[in-house]
Full PDB file with SEQRES, HELIX, SHEET, SSBOND, CRYST1, ORIGX, SCALE, CONECT and MASTER records, all heavy atoms in Angstrom:
SEQRES   1 A   32  THR ASP THR PRO TRP ALA SER GLY TRP PHE VAL VAL SER          
SEQRES   2 A   32  GLU GLN ALA ARG ARG GLN ASN ALA GLU ALA SER GLY ILE          
SEQRES   3 A   32  LEU ALA ALA GLU PRO ALA                                      
HELIX    1 AA1 TRP A    5  SER A    7  5                                   3    
HELIX    2 AA2 GLU A   14  ARG A   18  1                                   5    
HELIX    3 AA3 GLU A   22  GLY A   25  1                                   4    
SHEET    1 AA1 2 TRP A   9  VAL A  12  0                                        
SHEET    2 AA1 2 ILE A  26  GLU A  30 -1                                        
CRYST1    1.000    1.000    1.000  90.00  90.00  90.00 P 1           1          
ORIGX1      1.000000  0.000000  0.000000        0.00000                         
ORIGX2      0.000000  1.000000  0.000000        0.00000                         
ORIGX3      0.000000  0.000000  1.000000        0.00000                         
SCALE1      1.000000  0.000000  0.000000        0.00000                         
SCALE2      0.000000  1.000000  0.000000        0.00000                         
SCALE3      0.000000  0.000000  1.000000        0.00000                         
ATOM      1  N   THR A   1      28.932-138.560 -24.426  1.00  0.00           N  
ATOM      2  CA  THR A   1      27.458-138.768 -24.449  1.00  0.00           C  
ATOM      3  C   THR A   1      27.234-140.304 -24.321  1.00  0.00           C  
ATOM      4  O   THR A   1      28.055-141.115 -24.713  1.00  0.00           O  
ATOM      5  CB  THR A   1      26.867-138.310 -25.731  1.00  0.00           C  
ATOM      6  OG1 THR A   1      27.541-138.895 -26.884  1.00  0.00           O  
ATOM      7  CG2 THR A   1      26.906-136.671 -25.694  1.00  0.00           C  
ATOM      8  N   ASP A   2      26.090-140.651 -23.677  1.00  0.00           N  
ATOM      9  CA  ASP A   2      25.568-142.093 -23.559  1.00  0.00           C  
ATOM     10  C   ASP A   2      25.087-142.509 -24.843  1.00  0.00           C  
ATOM     11  O   ASP A   2      23.921-142.932 -24.973  1.00  0.00           O  
ATOM     12  CB  ASP A   2      24.601-142.131 -22.456  1.00  0.00           C  
ATOM     13  CG  ASP A   2      25.098-141.723 -21.159  1.00  0.00           C  
ATOM     14  OD1 ASP A   2      26.359-142.063 -20.833  1.00  0.00           O  
ATOM     15  OD2 ASP A   2      24.393-141.109 -20.322  1.00  0.00           O  
ATOM     16  N   THR A   3      25.963-142.712 -25.847  1.00  0.00           N  
ATOM     17  CA  THR A   3      25.516-143.134 -27.241  1.00  0.00           C  
ATOM     18  C   THR A   3      26.434-144.227 -27.614  1.00  0.00           C  
ATOM     19  O   THR A   3      27.584-144.501 -27.020  1.00  0.00           O  
ATOM     20  CB  THR A   3      25.654-142.059 -28.227  1.00  0.00           C  
ATOM     21  OG1 THR A   3      26.959-141.379 -28.132  1.00  0.00           O  
ATOM     22  CG2 THR A   3      24.542-140.941 -27.879  1.00  0.00           C  
ATOM     23  N   PRO A   4      26.148-145.119 -28.587  1.00  0.00           N  
ATOM     24  CA  PRO A   4      26.992-146.126 -28.969  1.00  0.00           C  
ATOM     25  C   PRO A   4      28.343-145.735 -29.548  1.00  0.00           C  
ATOM     26  O   PRO A   4      28.532-144.531 -29.939  1.00  0.00           O  
ATOM     27  CB  PRO A   4      26.113-146.891 -30.140  1.00  0.00           C  
ATOM     28  CG  PRO A   4      24.768-146.385 -29.963  1.00  0.00           C  
ATOM     29  CD  PRO A   4      24.880-144.983 -29.348  1.00  0.00           C  
ATOM     30  N   TRP A   5      29.335-146.532 -29.367  1.00  0.00           N  
ATOM     31  CA  TRP A   5      30.675-146.173 -29.869  1.00  0.00           C  
ATOM     32  C   TRP A   5      30.666-145.732 -31.322  1.00  0.00           C  
ATOM     33  O   TRP A   5      31.436-144.972 -31.686  1.00  0.00           O  
ATOM     34  CB  TRP A   5      31.690-147.344 -29.661  1.00  0.00           C  
ATOM     35  CG  TRP A   5      32.009-147.500 -28.324  1.00  0.00           C  
ATOM     36  CD1 TRP A   5      31.723-148.462 -27.435  1.00  0.00           C  
ATOM     37  CD2 TRP A   5      33.049-146.711 -27.570  1.00  0.00           C  
ATOM     38  NE1 TRP A   5      32.311-148.243 -26.111  1.00  0.00           N  
ATOM     39  CE2 TRP A   5      33.263-147.207 -26.338  1.00  0.00           C  
ATOM     40  CE3 TRP A   5      33.861-145.609 -27.961  1.00  0.00           C  
ATOM     41  CZ2 TRP A   5      34.112-146.659 -25.351  1.00  0.00           C  
ATOM     42  CZ3 TRP A   5      34.691-145.084 -27.008  1.00  0.00           C  
ATOM     43  CH2 TRP A   5      34.919-145.553 -25.764  1.00  0.00           C  
ATOM     44  N   ALA A   6      29.788-146.388 -32.122  1.00  0.00           N  
ATOM     45  CA  ALA A   6      29.840-146.175 -33.541  1.00  0.00           C  
ATOM     46  C   ALA A   6      29.307-144.701 -33.932  1.00  0.00           C  
ATOM     47  O   ALA A   6      29.400-144.280 -35.050  1.00  0.00           O  
ATOM     48  CB  ALA A   6      28.942-147.192 -34.286  1.00  0.00           C  
ATOM     49  N   SER A   7      28.747-144.075 -32.955  1.00  0.00           N  
ATOM     50  CA  SER A   7      28.189-142.732 -33.199  1.00  0.00           C  
ATOM     51  C   SER A   7      29.306-141.637 -33.197  1.00  0.00           C  
ATOM     52  O   SER A   7      29.039-140.517 -33.476  1.00  0.00           O  
ATOM     53  CB  SER A   7      27.205-142.358 -32.115  1.00  0.00           C  
ATOM     54  OG  SER A   7      27.751-142.267 -30.872  1.00  0.00           O  
ATOM     55  N   GLY A   8      30.523-142.157 -32.822  1.00  0.00           N  
ATOM     56  CA  GLY A   8      31.778-141.156 -32.819  1.00  0.00           C  
ATOM     57  C   GLY A   8      32.434-141.348 -31.416  1.00  0.00           C  
ATOM     58  O   GLY A   8      31.743-141.721 -30.480  1.00  0.00           O  
ATOM     59  N   TRP A   9      33.645-140.648 -31.406  1.00  0.00           N  
ATOM     60  CA  TRP A   9      34.296-140.642 -30.055  1.00  0.00           C  
ATOM     61  C   TRP A   9      35.438-139.601 -30.076  1.00  0.00           C  
ATOM     62  O   TRP A   9      35.693-138.988 -31.131  1.00  0.00           O  
ATOM     63  CB  TRP A   9      34.898-142.086 -29.704  1.00  0.00           C  
ATOM     64  CG  TRP A   9      35.886-142.508 -30.781  1.00  0.00           C  
ATOM     65  CD1 TRP A   9      37.141-142.119 -31.094  1.00  0.00           C  
ATOM     66  CD2 TRP A   9      35.706-143.544 -31.743  1.00  0.00           C  
ATOM     67  NE1 TRP A   9      37.738-142.835 -32.017  1.00  0.00           N  
ATOM     68  CE2 TRP A   9      36.926-143.708 -32.482  1.00  0.00           C  
ATOM     69  CE3 TRP A   9      34.574-144.475 -32.038  1.00  0.00           C  
ATOM     70  CZ2 TRP A   9      37.104-144.712 -33.482  1.00  0.00           C  
ATOM     71  CZ3 TRP A   9      34.863-145.398 -33.015  1.00  0.00           C  
ATOM     72  CH2 TRP A   9      36.037-145.517 -33.788  1.00  0.00           C  
ATOM     73  N   PHE A  10      35.925-139.373 -28.974  1.00  0.00           N  
ATOM     74  CA  PHE A  10      37.066-138.446 -28.793  1.00  0.00           C  
ATOM     75  C   PHE A  10      37.915-138.805 -27.780  1.00  0.00           C  
ATOM     76  O   PHE A  10      37.539-139.488 -26.696  1.00  0.00           O  
ATOM     77  CB  PHE A  10      36.655-136.932 -28.988  1.00  0.00           C  
ATOM     78  CG  PHE A  10      35.903-136.462 -27.760  1.00  0.00           C  
ATOM     79  CD1 PHE A  10      36.378-136.464 -26.518  1.00  0.00           C  
ATOM     80  CD2 PHE A  10      34.524-136.130 -28.012  1.00  0.00           C  
ATOM     81  CE1 PHE A  10      35.645-135.935 -25.434  1.00  0.00           C  
ATOM     82  CE2 PHE A  10      33.755-135.651 -26.857  1.00  0.00           C  
ATOM     83  CZ  PHE A  10      34.297-135.586 -25.701  1.00  0.00           C  
ATOM     84  N   VAL A  11      39.255-138.383 -27.841  1.00  0.00           N  
ATOM     85  CA  VAL A  11      40.225-138.511 -26.846  1.00  0.00           C  
ATOM     86  C   VAL A  11      40.396-137.176 -26.062  1.00  0.00           C  
ATOM     87  O   VAL A  11      40.532-136.159 -26.627  1.00  0.00           O  
ATOM     88  CB  VAL A  11      41.568-138.928 -27.239  1.00  0.00           C  
ATOM     89  CG1 VAL A  11      42.629-139.124 -26.171  1.00  0.00           C  
ATOM     90  CG2 VAL A  11      41.472-140.380 -28.110  1.00  0.00           C  
ATOM     91  N   VAL A  12      40.282-137.304 -24.715  1.00  0.00           N  
ATOM     92  CA  VAL A  12      40.249-135.968 -23.882  1.00  0.00           C  
ATOM     93  C   VAL A  12      41.015-136.230 -22.603  1.00  0.00           C  
ATOM     94  O   VAL A  12      41.122-137.357 -21.974  1.00  0.00           O  
ATOM     95  CB  VAL A  12      38.907-135.628 -23.491  1.00  0.00           C  
ATOM     96  CG1 VAL A  12      38.094-136.673 -22.784  1.00  0.00           C  
ATOM     97  CG2 VAL A  12      38.735-134.250 -22.995  1.00  0.00           C  
ATOM     98  N   SER A  13      41.573-135.220 -22.033  1.00  0.00           N  
ATOM     99  CA  SER A  13      42.151-135.158 -20.876  1.00  0.00           C  
ATOM    100  C   SER A  13      41.119-135.478 -19.773  1.00  0.00           C  
ATOM    101  O   SER A  13      39.997-134.740 -19.715  1.00  0.00           O  
ATOM    102  CB  SER A  13      42.927-133.824 -20.398  1.00  0.00           C  
ATOM    103  OG  SER A  13      43.061-133.610 -19.115  1.00  0.00           O  
ATOM    104  N   GLU A  14      41.281-136.344 -18.840  1.00  0.00           N  
ATOM    105  CA  GLU A  14      40.192-136.857 -17.840  1.00  0.00           C  
ATOM    106  C   GLU A  14      40.022-135.470 -16.970  1.00  0.00           C  
ATOM    107  O   GLU A  14      38.976-135.352 -16.565  1.00  0.00           O  
ATOM    108  CB  GLU A  14      40.737-137.985 -16.941  1.00  0.00           C  
ATOM    109  CG  GLU A  14      39.746-138.368 -16.028  1.00  0.00           C  
ATOM    110  CD  GLU A  14      38.440-138.631 -16.445  1.00  0.00           C  
ATOM    111  OE1 GLU A  14      38.156-138.958 -17.661  1.00  0.00           O  
ATOM    112  OE2 GLU A  14      37.424-138.466 -15.574  1.00  0.00           O  
ATOM    113  N   GLN A  15      41.083-134.721 -16.593  1.00  0.00           N  
ATOM    114  CA  GLN A  15      40.976-133.593 -15.826  1.00  0.00           C  
ATOM    115  C   GLN A  15      39.907-132.576 -16.467  1.00  0.00           C  
ATOM    116  O   GLN A  15      39.124-132.076 -15.809  1.00  0.00           O  
ATOM    117  CB  GLN A  15      42.209-132.859 -15.620  1.00  0.00           C  
ATOM    118  CG  GLN A  15      42.076-131.657 -14.665  1.00  0.00           C  
ATOM    119  CD  GLN A  15      43.429-131.103 -14.301  1.00  0.00           C  
ATOM    120  OE1 GLN A  15      44.483-131.432 -14.863  1.00  0.00           O  
ATOM    121  NE2 GLN A  15      43.495-130.090 -13.457  1.00  0.00           N  
ATOM    122  N   ALA A  16      40.038-132.364 -17.840  1.00  0.00           N  
ATOM    123  CA  ALA A  16      39.032-131.486 -18.513  1.00  0.00           C  
ATOM    124  C   ALA A  16      37.760-132.005 -18.452  1.00  0.00           C  
ATOM    125  O   ALA A  16      36.792-131.367 -18.326  1.00  0.00           O  
ATOM    126  CB  ALA A  16      39.720-131.323 -19.904  1.00  0.00           C  
ATOM    127  N   ARG A  17      37.569-133.404 -18.623  1.00  0.00           N  
ATOM    128  CA  ARG A  17      36.269-133.997 -18.696  1.00  0.00           C  
ATOM    129  C   ARG A  17      35.625-133.884 -17.361  1.00  0.00           C  
ATOM    130  O   ARG A  17      34.350-133.584 -17.364  1.00  0.00           O  
ATOM    131  CB  ARG A  17      36.468-135.548 -19.081  1.00  0.00           C  
ATOM    132  CG  ARG A  17      35.117-136.205 -19.353  1.00  0.00           C  
ATOM    133  CD  ARG A  17      35.247-137.691 -19.519  1.00  0.00           C  
ATOM    134  NE  ARG A  17      35.392-138.323 -18.234  1.00  0.00           N  
ATOM    135  CZ  ARG A  17      34.471-138.856 -17.531  1.00  0.00           C  
ATOM    136  NH1 ARG A  17      33.159-138.738 -17.936  1.00  0.00           N  
ATOM    137  NH2 ARG A  17      34.556-139.447 -16.376  1.00  0.00           N  
ATOM    138  N   ARG A  18      36.296-134.026 -16.313  1.00  0.00           N  
ATOM    139  CA  ARG A  18      35.644-133.932 -14.935  1.00  0.00           C  
ATOM    140  C   ARG A  18      35.263-132.522 -14.692  1.00  0.00           C  
ATOM    141  O   ARG A  18      34.422-132.253 -13.780  1.00  0.00           O  
ATOM    142  CB  ARG A  18      36.654-134.517 -13.801  1.00  0.00           C  
ATOM    143  CG  ARG A  18      36.918-136.031 -14.046  1.00  0.00           C  
ATOM    144  CD  ARG A  18      37.954-136.460 -12.922  1.00  0.00           C  
ATOM    145  NE  ARG A  18      37.305-136.369 -11.619  1.00  0.00           N  
ATOM    146  CZ  ARG A  18      38.032-136.721 -10.609  1.00  0.00           C  
ATOM    147  NH1 ARG A  18      39.316-137.046 -10.559  1.00  0.00           N  
ATOM    148  NH2 ARG A  18      37.427-136.756  -9.383  1.00  0.00           N  
ATOM    149  N   GLN A  19      35.866-131.454 -15.297  1.00  0.00           N  
ATOM    150  CA  GLN A  19      35.559-130.158 -15.087  1.00  0.00           C  
ATOM    151  C   GLN A  19      34.489-129.602 -16.110  1.00  0.00           C  
ATOM    152  O   GLN A  19      34.311-128.442 -16.174  1.00  0.00           O  
ATOM    153  CB  GLN A  19      36.826-129.294 -15.160  1.00  0.00           C  
ATOM    154  CG  GLN A  19      37.725-129.610 -14.018  1.00  0.00           C  
ATOM    155  CD  GLN A  19      39.127-128.916 -14.152  1.00  0.00           C  
ATOM    156  OE1 GLN A  19      39.340-128.271 -15.263  1.00  0.00           O  
ATOM    157  NE2 GLN A  19      39.893-128.895 -13.292  1.00  0.00           N  
ATOM    158  N   ASN A  20      33.906-130.533 -16.839  1.00  0.00           N  
ATOM    159  CA  ASN A  20      32.918-130.092 -17.853  1.00  0.00           C  
ATOM    160  C   ASN A  20      33.610-129.261 -18.853  1.00  0.00           C  
ATOM    161  O   ASN A  20      32.902-128.336 -19.393  1.00  0.00           O  
ATOM    162  CB  ASN A  20      31.621-129.491 -17.214  1.00  0.00           C  
ATOM    163  CG  ASN A  20      30.758-130.472 -16.399  1.00  0.00           C  
ATOM    164  OD1 ASN A  20      30.733-131.579 -16.728  1.00  0.00           O  
ATOM    165  ND2 ASN A  20      30.150-129.954 -15.442  1.00  0.00           N  
ATOM    166  N   ALA A  21      34.802-129.391 -19.133  1.00  0.00           N  
ATOM    167  CA  ALA A  21      35.470-128.627 -20.096  1.00  0.00           C  
ATOM    168  C   ALA A  21      36.196-129.443 -21.266  1.00  0.00           C  
ATOM    169  O   ALA A  21      37.331-129.148 -21.510  1.00  0.00           O  
ATOM    170  CB  ALA A  21      36.503-127.679 -19.363  1.00  0.00           C  
ATOM    171  N   GLU A  22      35.447-130.469 -21.737  1.00  0.00           N  
ATOM    172  CA  GLU A  22      35.931-131.358 -22.617  1.00  0.00           C  
ATOM    173  C   GLU A  22      36.639-130.700 -23.867  1.00  0.00           C  
ATOM    174  O   GLU A  22      37.625-131.056 -24.389  1.00  0.00           O  
ATOM    175  CB  GLU A  22      34.946-132.297 -23.042  1.00  0.00           C  
ATOM    176  CG  GLU A  22      34.447-133.319 -22.147  1.00  0.00           C  
ATOM    177  CD  GLU A  22      33.215-132.871 -21.296  1.00  0.00           C  
ATOM    178  OE1 GLU A  22      33.021-131.729 -21.158  1.00  0.00           O  
ATOM    179  OE2 GLU A  22      32.371-133.819 -21.015  1.00  0.00           O  
ATOM    180  N   ALA A  23      35.938-129.645 -24.324  1.00  0.00           N  
ATOM    181  CA  ALA A  23      36.467-128.941 -25.598  1.00  0.00           C  
ATOM    182  C   ALA A  23      37.802-128.464 -25.355  1.00  0.00           C  
ATOM    183  O   ALA A  23      38.483-128.465 -26.379  1.00  0.00           O  
ATOM    184  CB  ALA A  23      35.404-127.743 -25.926  1.00  0.00           C  
ATOM    185  N   SER A  24      38.224-127.987 -24.241  1.00  0.00           N  
ATOM    186  CA  SER A  24      39.562-127.440 -24.055  1.00  0.00           C  
ATOM    187  C   SER A  24      40.645-128.589 -23.922  1.00  0.00           C  
ATOM    188  O   SER A  24      41.801-128.394 -24.074  1.00  0.00           O  
ATOM    189  CB  SER A  24      39.640-126.711 -22.762  1.00  0.00           C  
ATOM    190  OG  SER A  24      39.436-127.396 -21.507  1.00  0.00           O  
ATOM    191  N   GLY A  25      40.197-129.856 -23.686  1.00  0.00           N  
ATOM    192  CA  GLY A  25      41.167-130.957 -23.541  1.00  0.00           C  
ATOM    193  C   GLY A  25      41.169-132.040 -24.594  1.00  0.00           C  
ATOM    194  O   GLY A  25      41.674-133.118 -24.356  1.00  0.00           O  
ATOM    195  N   ILE A  26      40.350-131.933 -25.628  1.00  0.00           N  
ATOM    196  CA  ILE A  26      40.247-132.822 -26.730  1.00  0.00           C  
ATOM    197  C   ILE A  26      41.530-132.970 -27.463  1.00  0.00           C  
ATOM    198  O   ILE A  26      42.023-132.019 -27.916  1.00  0.00           O  
ATOM    199  CB  ILE A  26      39.046-132.544 -27.655  1.00  0.00           C  
ATOM    200  CG1 ILE A  26      37.765-132.644 -26.867  1.00  0.00           C  
ATOM    201  CG2 ILE A  26      39.165-133.507 -28.896  1.00  0.00           C  
ATOM    202  CD1 ILE A  26      36.566-132.314 -27.769  1.00  0.00           C  
ATOM    203  N   LEU A  27      42.067-134.118 -27.608  1.00  0.00           N  
ATOM    204  CA  LEU A  27      43.322-134.439 -28.337  1.00  0.00           C  
ATOM    205  C   LEU A  27      43.175-135.004 -29.715  1.00  0.00           C  
ATOM    206  O   LEU A  27      44.009-134.791 -30.613  1.00  0.00           O  
ATOM    207  CB  LEU A  27      44.238-135.396 -27.476  1.00  0.00           C  
ATOM    208  CG  LEU A  27      44.496-135.101 -26.012  1.00  0.00           C  
ATOM    209  CD1 LEU A  27      45.411-136.163 -25.371  1.00  0.00           C  
ATOM    210  CD2 LEU A  27      45.121-133.619 -26.059  1.00  0.00           C  
ATOM    211  N   ALA A  28      41.924-135.757 -29.864  1.00  0.00           N  
ATOM    212  CA  ALA A  28      41.651-136.191 -31.176  1.00  0.00           C  
ATOM    213  C   ALA A  28      40.260-136.601 -31.156  1.00  0.00           C  
ATOM    214  O   ALA A  28      39.588-136.834 -30.077  1.00  0.00           O  
ATOM    215  CB  ALA A  28      42.514-137.499 -31.504  1.00  0.00           C  
ATOM    216  N   ALA A  29      39.599-136.702 -32.332  1.00  0.00           N  
ATOM    217  CA  ALA A  29      38.232-136.964 -32.429  1.00  0.00           C  
ATOM    218  C   ALA A  29      37.899-137.758 -33.817  1.00  0.00           C  
ATOM    219  O   ALA A  29      38.601-137.582 -34.797  1.00  0.00           O  
ATOM    220  CB  ALA A  29      37.318-135.693 -32.350  1.00  0.00           C  
ATOM    221  N   GLU A  30      36.906-138.615 -33.628  1.00  0.00           N  
ATOM    222  CA  GLU A  30      36.417-139.234 -34.913  1.00  0.00           C  
ATOM    223  C   GLU A  30      34.859-139.170 -35.063  1.00  0.00           C  
ATOM    224  O   GLU A  30      34.222-139.288 -34.049  1.00  0.00           O  
ATOM    225  CB  GLU A  30      36.786-140.814 -34.876  1.00  0.00           C  
ATOM    226  CG  GLU A  30      38.277-141.119 -34.992  1.00  0.00           C  
ATOM    227  CD  GLU A  30      38.806-140.643 -36.497  1.00  0.00           C  
ATOM    228  OE1 GLU A  30      38.036-140.515 -37.381  1.00  0.00           O  
ATOM    229  OE2 GLU A  30      40.070-140.500 -36.435  1.00  0.00           O  
ATOM    230  N   PRO A  31      34.442-138.727 -36.260  1.00  0.00           N  
ATOM    231  CA  PRO A  31      32.866-138.768 -36.354  1.00  0.00           C  
ATOM    232  C   PRO A  31      32.312-140.065 -36.470  1.00  0.00           C  
ATOM    233  O   PRO A  31      32.974-141.142 -36.260  1.00  0.00           O  
ATOM    234  CB  PRO A  31      32.859-138.026 -37.650  1.00  0.00           C  
ATOM    235  CG  PRO A  31      34.029-138.472 -38.433  1.00  0.00           C  
ATOM    236  CD  PRO A  31      35.138-138.484 -37.498  1.00  0.00           C  
ATOM    237  N   ALA A  32      30.988-140.050 -36.564  1.00  0.00           N  
ATOM    238  CA  ALA A  32      30.317-141.431 -36.715  1.00  0.00           C  
ATOM    239  C   ALA A  32      30.860-142.281 -37.870  1.00  0.00           C  
ATOM    240  O   ALA A  32      31.258-141.815 -38.909  1.00  0.00           O  
ATOM    241  CB  ALA A  32      28.736-141.117 -36.952  1.00  0.00           C  
TER     242      ALA A  32                                                      
MASTER        0    0    0    3    2    0    0    6  241    1    0    3          
END                                                                             
């Protein structure tokens, strides 16, 4: 999302991101 880095982030496979399937390719995530 177009939000500040401090709002949280996650690591994802770029292939999954480009296919609008981020949830299937998330490797790690951090909340706000």
